[in-house]
């Protein structure tokens, strides 16, 4: 996320290729699989039980979009470009950062949510979501074409409007996270809300509501919308 002088913060998102096995054509937050190298690097951060996930989040975001955050000192655009190039060339994240005099600062990631859907889909996932603050003047995202067809900075409300208009789509967890983020006027507000709602694993379920099946999540864990008709949840 990056704050703006006026208006709510913007969120970095990508649009997946339409032929991908999971969430084809959907708007998603940058991220991906935890690699063995991330697990190995996590040993240097024993105070973070989720260190491997944090490291993967940082690595995947720069690989997919060219945006580098949660490092010390703050990375310049040149730093980010060179670190990304090193990763593309096969270097590990720690080596790529060290070559620019940078180091990981995992405390700069704020745990926000964990989703573990249990539906019969082609791909199932257990995903941790973190809030990462980018500089207000952070560079525009530079798309990794192998990963997606579009990368963008936009407010949560604007992204939701695009989805509602049918100009884009998102899977159920992404939409719920966007609705939660749309309530905040700054990154600090989002971080404070995350602190008020310790991360609980969310596994949606289907139940009848008003004579129609709805996909549901628990109340009281920070989400303003906790159900959606199954028909639209699938379509989006």
C-alpha atoms as a PDB file:
ATOM      1  CA  UNK A   1       0.000   0.000   0.000  1.00  0.00           C
ATOM      2  CA  UNK A   2       1.084   3.598  -0.521  1.00  0.00           C
ATOM      3  CA  UNK A   3      -0.456   6.686   1.051  1.00  0.00           C
ATOM      4  CA  UNK A   4      -1.577   9.661  -1.011  1.00  0.00           C
ATOM      5  CA  UNK A   5      -1.663  13.356  -0.144  1.00  0.00           C
ATOM      6  CA  UNK A   6      -5.398  13.292  -0.772  1.00  0.00           C
ATOM      7  CA  UNK A   7      -7.756  10.359  -0.663  1.00  0.00           C
ATOM      8  CA  UNK A   8      -7.384   6.807   0.640  1.00  0.00           C
ATOM      9  CA  UNK A   9      -4.215   4.771   0.139  1.00  0.00           C
ATOM     10  CA  UNK A  10      -3.588   2.873  -3.061  1.00  0.00           C
ATOM     11  CA  UNK A  11      -3.088  -0.877  -3.208  1.00  0.00           C
ATOM     12  CA  UNK A  12      -0.782  -2.751  -5.557  1.00  0.00           C
ATOM     13  CA  UNK A  13      -2.547  -5.480  -7.535  1.00  0.00           C
ATOM     14  CA  UNK A  14      -1.997  -7.599 -10.625  1.00  0.00           C
ATOM     15  CA  UNK A  15      -4.335  -9.265 -13.109  1.00  0.00           C
ATOM     16  CA  UNK A  16      -3.547 -12.895 -13.798  1.00  0.00           C
ATOM     17  CA  UNK A  17      -3.390 -14.460 -17.255  1.00  0.00           C
ATOM     18  CA  UNK A  18      -6.742 -15.815 -18.417  1.00  0.00           C
ATOM     19  CA  UNK A  19      -5.313 -19.292 -19.075  1.00  0.00           C
ATOM     20  CA  UNK A  20      -3.867 -19.905 -15.596  1.00  0.00           C
ATOM     21  CA  UNK A  21      -5.066 -22.943 -13.654  1.00  0.00           C
ATOM     22  CA  UNK A  22      -6.025 -20.941 -10.551  1.00  0.00           C
ATOM     23  CA  UNK A  23      -7.894 -17.603 -10.388  1.00  0.00           C
ATOM     24  CA  UNK A  24      -7.628 -17.219 -14.150  1.00  0.00           C
ATOM     25  CA  UNK A  25      -7.956 -13.585 -15.217  1.00  0.00           C
ATOM     26  CA  UNK A  26      -8.565 -12.423 -11.645  1.00  0.00           C
ATOM     27  CA  UNK A  27      -7.219  -9.364  -9.854  1.00  0.00           C
ATOM     28  CA  UNK A  28      -4.945 -10.533  -7.039  1.00  0.00           C
ATOM     29  CA  UNK A  29      -2.475  -9.173  -4.515  1.00  0.00           C
ATOM     30  CA  UNK A  30       1.163  -9.885  -5.412  1.00  0.00           C
ATOM     31  CA  UNK A  31       2.453 -13.071  -3.836  1.00  0.00           C
ATOM     32  CA  UNK A  32       3.087 -16.722  -4.405  1.00  0.00           C
ATOM     33  CA  UNK A  33       4.552 -19.949  -3.154  1.00  0.00           C
ATOM     34  CA  UNK A  34       7.068 -20.167  -0.316  1.00  0.00           C
ATOM     35  CA  UNK A  35      10.278 -21.515  -1.875  1.00  0.00           C
ATOM     36  CA  UNK A  36      12.869 -23.695  -0.132  1.00  0.00           C
ATOM     37  CA  UNK A  37      15.232 -20.697  -0.229  1.00  0.00           C
ATOM     38  CA  UNK A  38      12.673 -18.681   1.741  1.00  0.00           C
ATOM     39  CA  UNK A  39      12.506 -21.435   4.361  1.00  0.00           C
ATOM     40  CA  UNK A  40      16.296 -21.473   4.605  1.00  0.00           C
ATOM     41  CA  UNK A  41      16.514 -17.685   4.937  1.00  0.00           C
ATOM     42  CA  UNK A  42      13.878 -17.759   7.680  1.00  0.00           C
ATOM     43  CA  UNK A  43      16.446 -19.322  10.006  1.00  0.00           C
ATOM     44  CA  UNK A  44      18.033 -15.866  10.323  1.00  0.00           C
ATOM     45  CA  UNK A  45      14.793 -14.506  11.842  1.00  0.00           C
ATOM     46  CA  UNK A  46      13.959 -16.819  14.751  1.00  0.00           C
ATOM     47  CA  UNK A  47      11.667 -14.265  16.404  1.00  0.00           C
ATOM     48  CA  UNK A  48       9.192 -14.494  13.491  1.00  0.00           C
ATOM     49  CA  UNK A  49       7.263 -17.771  13.336  1.00  0.00           C
ATOM     50  CA  UNK A  50       6.005 -16.759   9.887  1.00  0.00           C
ATOM     51  CA  UNK A  51       9.398 -15.539   8.606  1.00  0.00           C
ATOM     52  CA  UNK A  52       9.356 -17.753   5.507  1.00  0.00           C
ATOM     53  CA  UNK A  53       5.975 -16.345   4.459  1.00  0.00           C
ATOM     54  CA  UNK A  54       7.156 -12.767   5.011  1.00  0.00           C
ATOM     55  CA  UNK A  55      10.293 -13.362   2.971  1.00  0.00           C
ATOM     56  CA  UNK A  56       8.271 -14.979   0.186  1.00  0.00           C
ATOM     57  CA  UNK A  57       5.883 -12.005   0.160  1.00  0.00           C
ATOM     58  CA  UNK A  58       8.751  -9.545  -0.283  1.00  0.00           C
ATOM     59  CA  UNK A  59      10.461 -11.661  -2.930  1.00  0.00           C
ATOM     60  CA  UNK A  60       7.333 -12.411  -4.944  1.00  0.00           C
ATOM     61  CA  UNK A  61       6.247  -8.767  -4.931  1.00  0.00           C
ATOM     62  CA  UNK A  62       9.495  -7.510  -6.427  1.00  0.00           C
ATOM     63  CA  UNK A  63       9.645 -10.386  -8.907  1.00  0.00           C
ATOM     64  CA  UNK A  64       6.089  -9.741 -10.096  1.00  0.00           C
ATOM     65  CA  UNK A  65       5.938  -5.934  -9.963  1.00  0.00           C
ATOM     66  CA  UNK A  66       9.408  -4.466  -9.383  1.00  0.00           C
ATOM     67  CA  UNK A  67       8.255  -2.930  -6.070  1.00  0.00           C
ATOM     68  CA  UNK A  68      10.653  -3.545  -3.171  1.00  0.00           C
ATOM     69  CA  UNK A  69       9.570  -2.822   0.411  1.00  0.00           C
ATOM     70  CA  UNK A  70      10.352  -4.012   3.951  1.00  0.00           C
ATOM     71  CA  UNK A  71      14.097  -3.520   3.593  1.00  0.00           C
ATOM     72  CA  UNK A  72      16.627  -1.281   5.331  1.00  0.00           C
ATOM     73  CA  UNK A  73      17.647   1.249   4.306  1.00  0.00           C
ATOM     74  CA  UNK A  74      14.706   2.135   2.060  1.00  0.00           C
ATOM     75  CA  UNK A  75      15.365   1.013  -1.501  1.00  0.00           C
ATOM     76  CA  UNK A  76      15.660   3.464  -4.370  1.00  0.00           C
ATOM     77  CA  UNK A  77      14.121   2.726  -7.761  1.00  0.00           C
ATOM     78  CA  UNK A  78      17.609   1.816  -8.988  1.00  0.00           C
ATOM     79  CA  UNK A  79      18.072  -0.559  -6.049  1.00  0.00           C
ATOM     80  CA  UNK A  80      14.765  -2.258  -6.790  1.00  0.00           C
ATOM     81  CA  UNK A  81      15.561  -2.680 -10.482  1.00  0.00           C
ATOM     82  CA  UNK A  82      18.965  -4.204  -9.779  1.00  0.00           C
ATOM     83  CA  UNK A  83      17.673  -6.514  -7.045  1.00  0.00           C
ATOM     84  CA  UNK A  84      14.931  -7.712  -9.377  1.00  0.00           C
ATOM     85  CA  UNK A  85      17.449  -8.326 -12.137  1.00  0.00           C
ATOM     86  CA  UNK A  86      19.615 -10.339  -9.737  1.00  0.00           C
ATOM     87  CA  UNK A  87      16.618 -12.463  -8.737  1.00  0.00           C
ATOM     88  CA  UNK A  88      15.753 -13.051 -12.390  1.00  0.00           C
ATOM     89  CA  UNK A  89      19.334 -14.167 -12.912  1.00  0.00           C
ATOM     90  CA  UNK A  90      19.008 -16.817 -10.216  1.00  0.00           C
ATOM     91  CA  UNK A  91      20.385 -15.057  -7.128  1.00  0.00           C
ATOM     92  CA  UNK A  92      18.765 -15.579  -3.747  1.00  0.00           C
ATOM     93  CA  UNK A  93      16.965 -12.661  -2.140  1.00  0.00           C
ATOM     94  CA  UNK A  94      19.518 -12.162   0.648  1.00  0.00           C
ATOM     95  CA  UNK A  95      22.411 -12.080  -1.839  1.00  0.00           C
ATOM     96  CA  UNK A  96      20.515  -9.769  -4.188  1.00  0.00           C
ATOM     97  CA  UNK A  97      19.812  -7.349  -1.344  1.00  0.00           C
ATOM     98  CA  UNK A  98      23.313  -7.587   0.102  1.00  0.00           C
ATOM     99  CA  UNK A  99      24.774  -6.609  -3.239  1.00  0.00           C
ATOM    100  CA  UNK A 100      23.019  -3.247  -2.860  1.00  0.00           C
ATOM    101  CA  UNK A 101      23.770  -2.815   0.852  1.00  0.00           C
ATOM    102  CA  UNK A 102      20.189  -3.699   1.803  1.00  0.00           C
ATOM    103  CA  UNK A 103      18.777  -6.110   4.365  1.00  0.00           C
ATOM    104  CA  UNK A 104      15.337  -7.531   5.103  1.00  0.00           C
ATOM    105  CA  UNK A 105      13.272  -5.831   7.821  1.00  0.00           C
ATOM    106  CA  UNK A 106      10.473  -8.313   8.442  1.00  0.00           C
ATOM    107  CA  UNK A 107       8.968  -6.132  11.170  1.00  0.00           C
ATOM    108  CA  UNK A 108       7.800  -3.765   8.430  1.00  0.00           C
ATOM    109  CA  UNK A 109       5.186  -6.323   7.374  1.00  0.00           C
ATOM    110  CA  UNK A 110       1.934  -6.279   9.356  1.00  0.00           C
ATOM    111  CA  UNK A 111      -0.006  -9.588   9.496  1.00  0.00           C
ATOM    112  CA  UNK A 112      -3.489  -8.933   8.135  1.00  0.00           C
ATOM    113  CA  UNK A 113      -5.261 -12.221   7.398  1.00  0.00           C
ATOM    114  CA  UNK A 114      -4.931 -15.937   6.736  1.00  0.00           C
ATOM    115  CA  UNK A 115      -7.292 -17.721   4.361  1.00  0.00           C
ATOM    116  CA  UNK A 116      -7.590 -21.493   4.005  1.00  0.00           C
ATOM    117  CA  UNK A 117     -10.524 -22.271   1.679  1.00  0.00           C
ATOM    118  CA  UNK A 118     -11.690 -25.865   1.571  1.00  0.00           C
ATOM    119  CA  UNK A 119     -13.750 -25.950  -1.616  1.00  0.00           C
ATOM    120  CA  UNK A 120     -13.253 -28.417  -4.455  1.00  0.00           C
ATOM    121  CA  UNK A 121     -11.160 -26.203  -6.687  1.00  0.00           C
ATOM    122  CA  UNK A 122      -8.335 -26.986  -9.101  1.00  0.00           C
ATOM    123  CA  UNK A 123      -5.863 -25.344  -6.712  1.00  0.00           C
ATOM    124  CA  UNK A 124      -6.253 -25.010  -2.963  1.00  0.00           C
ATOM    125  CA  UNK A 125      -4.230 -22.557  -0.922  1.00  0.00           C
ATOM    126  CA  UNK A 126      -3.289 -21.602   2.617  1.00  0.00           C
ATOM    127  CA  UNK A 127      -2.326 -17.955   2.320  1.00  0.00           C
ATOM    128  CA  UNK A 128      -1.041 -15.360   4.752  1.00  0.00           C
ATOM    129  CA  UNK A 129      -1.705 -11.717   3.853  1.00  0.00           C
ATOM    130  CA  UNK A 130       0.509  -8.864   5.070  1.00  0.00           C
ATOM    131  CA  UNK A 131       0.304  -5.089   4.837  1.00  0.00           C
ATOM    132  CA  UNK A 132       3.521  -3.618   3.439  1.00  0.00           C
ATOM    133  CA  UNK A 133       4.035   0.123   3.192  1.00  0.00           C
ATOM    134  CA  UNK A 134       5.600   1.485   0.027  1.00  0.00           C
ATOM    135  CA  UNK A 135       6.905   5.023  -0.208  1.00  0.00           C
ATOM    136  CA  UNK A 136       4.282   7.560  -1.288  1.00  0.00           C
ATOM    137  CA  UNK A 137       6.390   8.252  -4.388  1.00  0.00           C
ATOM    138  CA  UNK A 138       6.989   4.554  -5.101  1.00  0.00           C
ATOM    139  CA  UNK A 139       7.587   3.767  -8.737  1.00  0.00           C
ATOM    140  CA  UNK A 140       4.808   2.523 -10.939  1.00  0.00           C
ATOM    141  CA  UNK A 141       4.682  -1.253 -11.059  1.00  0.00           C
ATOM    142  CA  UNK A 142       6.655  -2.898 -13.856  1.00  0.00           C
ATOM    143  CA  UNK A 143       4.823  -6.033 -14.859  1.00  0.00           C
ATOM    144  CA  UNK A 144       6.486  -9.432 -15.101  1.00  0.00           C
ATOM    145  CA  UNK A 145       4.663 -10.640 -18.208  1.00  0.00           C
ATOM    146  CA  UNK A 146       5.043 -14.307 -17.290  1.00  0.00           C
ATOM    147  CA  UNK A 147       2.990 -13.649 -14.148  1.00  0.00           C
ATOM    148  CA  UNK A 148       0.164 -11.344 -15.237  1.00  0.00           C
ATOM    149  CA  UNK A 149      -1.284  -9.123 -17.943  1.00  0.00           C
ATOM    150  CA  UNK A 150      -1.688  -5.979 -15.830  1.00  0.00           C
ATOM    151  CA  UNK A 151      -0.270  -4.357 -12.704  1.00  0.00           C
ATOM    152  CA  UNK A 152      -1.827  -1.308 -11.084  1.00  0.00           C
ATOM    153  CA  UNK A 153      -1.949   0.999  -8.076  1.00  0.00           C
ATOM    154  CA  UNK A 154      -5.532   1.931  -7.140  1.00  0.00           C
ATOM    155  CA  UNK A 155      -7.669   2.497  -4.078  1.00  0.00           C
ATOM    156  CA  UNK A 156      -9.626  -0.446  -2.716  1.00  0.00           C
ATOM    157  CA  UNK A 157     -12.882   1.388  -3.524  1.00  0.00           C
ATOM    158  CA  UNK A 158     -11.853   1.934  -7.141  1.00  0.00           C
ATOM    159  CA  UNK A 159     -10.854  -1.715  -7.538  1.00  0.00           C
ATOM    160  CA  UNK A 160     -14.177  -2.857  -6.076  1.00  0.00           C
ATOM    161  CA  UNK A 161     -16.022  -0.511  -8.432  1.00  0.00           C
ATOM    162  CA  UNK A 162     -14.226  -2.067 -11.391  1.00  0.00           C
ATOM    163  CA  UNK A 163     -15.252  -5.521 -10.189  1.00  0.00           C
ATOM    164  CA  UNK A 164     -18.873  -4.498  -9.620  1.00  0.00           C
ATOM    165  CA  UNK A 165     -19.001  -2.958 -13.097  1.00  0.00           C
ATOM    166  CA  UNK A 166     -17.899  -6.267 -14.608  1.00  0.00           C
ATOM    167  CA  UNK A 167     -14.670  -4.776 -15.961  1.00  0.00           C
ATOM    168  CA  UNK A 168     -12.614  -7.107 -13.752  1.00  0.00           C
ATOM    169  CA  UNK A 169     -13.175  -9.993 -11.383  1.00  0.00           C
ATOM    170  CA  UNK A 170     -11.735 -11.311  -8.140  1.00  0.00           C
ATOM    171  CA  UNK A 171     -12.131 -14.457  -6.103  1.00  0.00           C
ATOM    172  CA  UNK A 172     -14.083 -14.425  -2.834  1.00  0.00           C
ATOM    173  CA  UNK A 173     -11.144 -13.886  -0.405  1.00  0.00           C
ATOM    174  CA  UNK A 174      -9.713 -11.036  -2.495  1.00  0.00           C
ATOM    175  CA  UNK A 175     -13.044  -9.244  -2.608  1.00  0.00           C
ATOM    176  CA  UNK A 176     -13.550  -9.564   1.151  1.00  0.00           C
ATOM    177  CA  UNK A 177     -10.038  -8.238   1.814  1.00  0.00           C
ATOM    178  CA  UNK A 178     -10.650  -5.293  -0.516  1.00  0.00           C
ATOM    179  CA  UNK A 179     -13.912  -4.449   1.283  1.00  0.00           C
ATOM    180  CA  UNK A 180     -12.044  -4.470   4.585  1.00  0.00           C
ATOM    181  CA  UNK A 181      -9.241  -2.272   3.222  1.00  0.00           C
ATOM    182  CA  UNK A 182     -11.705   0.160   1.611  1.00  0.00           C
ATOM    183  CA  UNK A 183     -12.721   1.410   5.081  1.00  0.00           C
ATOM    184  CA  UNK A 184      -9.328   2.965   5.811  1.00  0.00           C
ATOM    185  CA  UNK A 185      -8.131   6.476   5.018  1.00  0.00           C
ATOM    186  CA  UNK A 186      -4.457   5.658   5.584  1.00  0.00           C
ATOM    187  CA  UNK A 187      -2.036   2.787   5.933  1.00  0.00           C
ATOM    188  CA  UNK A 188      -1.802   3.550   9.655  1.00  0.00           C
ATOM    189  CA  UNK A 189      -5.557   2.958   9.985  1.00  0.00           C
ATOM    190  CA  UNK A 190      -5.236  -0.387   8.220  1.00  0.00           C
ATOM    191  CA  UNK A 191      -2.353  -1.403  10.475  1.00  0.00           C
ATOM    192  CA  UNK A 192      -4.297  -0.389  13.587  1.00  0.00           C
ATOM    193  CA  UNK A 193      -7.281  -2.461  12.464  1.00  0.00           C
ATOM    194  CA  UNK A 194      -5.002  -5.444  11.894  1.00  0.00           C
ATOM    195  CA  UNK A 195      -3.676  -5.039  15.447  1.00  0.00           C
ATOM    196  CA  UNK A 196      -7.244  -5.044  16.804  1.00  0.00           C
ATOM    197  CA  UNK A 197      -8.056  -8.306  15.019  1.00  0.00           C
ATOM    198  CA  UNK A 198      -5.395 -10.970  15.612  1.00  0.00           C
ATOM    199  CA  UNK A 199      -5.105 -13.226  12.576  1.00  0.00           C
ATOM    200  CA  UNK A 200      -7.445 -16.205  12.619  1.00  0.00           C
ATOM    201  CA  UNK A 201      -7.476 -18.838   9.888  1.00  0.00           C
ATOM    202  CA  UNK A 202     -10.556 -18.218   7.729  1.00  0.00           C
ATOM    203  CA  UNK A 203     -12.188 -21.219   6.060  1.00  0.00           C
ATOM    204  CA  UNK A 204     -15.394 -20.157   4.281  1.00  0.00           C
ATOM    205  CA  UNK A 205     -18.449 -22.406   4.287  1.00  0.00           C
ATOM    206  CA  UNK A 206     -21.760 -22.550   2.366  1.00  0.00           C
ATOM    207  CA  UNK A 207     -25.142 -22.226   4.077  1.00  0.00           C
ATOM    208  CA  UNK A 208     -28.693 -21.309   3.082  1.00  0.00           C
ATOM    209  CA  UNK A 209     -29.610 -17.684   3.749  1.00  0.00           C
ATOM    210  CA  UNK A 210     -32.875 -16.197   2.517  1.00  0.00           C
ATOM    211  CA  UNK A 211     -33.587 -19.315   0.479  1.00  0.00           C
ATOM    212  CA  UNK A 212     -30.318 -19.232  -1.443  1.00  0.00           C
ATOM    213  CA  UNK A 213     -26.861 -20.719  -0.779  1.00  0.00           C
ATOM    214  CA  UNK A 214     -24.300 -18.188   0.465  1.00  0.00           C
ATOM    215  CA  UNK A 215     -20.561 -18.409   0.968  1.00  0.00           C
ATOM    216  CA  UNK A 216     -19.924 -17.261   4.545  1.00  0.00           C
ATOM    217  CA  UNK A 217     -17.090 -16.309   6.903  1.00  0.00           C
ATOM    218  CA  UNK A 218     -17.219 -15.639  10.665  1.00  0.00           C
ATOM    219  CA  UNK A 219     -18.440 -12.355  12.131  1.00  0.00           C
ATOM    220  CA  UNK A 220     -16.255 -10.236  14.386  1.00  0.00           C
ATOM    221  CA  UNK A 221     -12.884 -10.721  12.715  1.00  0.00           C
ATOM    222  CA  UNK A 222     -12.659  -7.376  10.945  1.00  0.00           C
ATOM    223  CA  UNK A 223     -14.637  -7.934   7.741  1.00  0.00           C
ATOM    224  CA  UNK A 224     -17.610  -5.649   6.940  1.00  0.00           C
ATOM    225  CA  UNK A 225     -19.136  -8.202   4.531  1.00  0.00           C
ATOM    226  CA  UNK A 226     -19.317 -11.788   5.771  1.00  0.00           C
ATOM    227  CA  UNK A 227     -21.411 -13.533   3.128  1.00  0.00           C
ATOM    228  CA  UNK A 228     -22.144 -13.472  -0.579  1.00  0.00           C
ATOM    229  CA  UNK A 229     -24.566 -15.498  -2.710  1.00  0.00           C
ATOM    230  CA  UNK A 230     -22.790 -18.586  -4.021  1.00  0.00           C
ATOM    231  CA  UNK A 231     -23.793 -17.709  -7.576  1.00  0.00           C
ATOM    232  CA  UNK A 232     -21.967 -14.366  -7.632  1.00  0.00           C
ATOM    233  CA  UNK A 233     -19.072 -15.634  -5.497  1.00  0.00           C
ATOM    234  CA  UNK A 234     -18.343 -18.232  -8.177  1.00  0.00           C
ATOM    235  CA  UNK A 235     -18.818 -15.823 -11.043  1.00  0.00           C
ATOM    236  CA  UNK A 236     -16.405 -13.279  -9.604  1.00  0.00           C
END
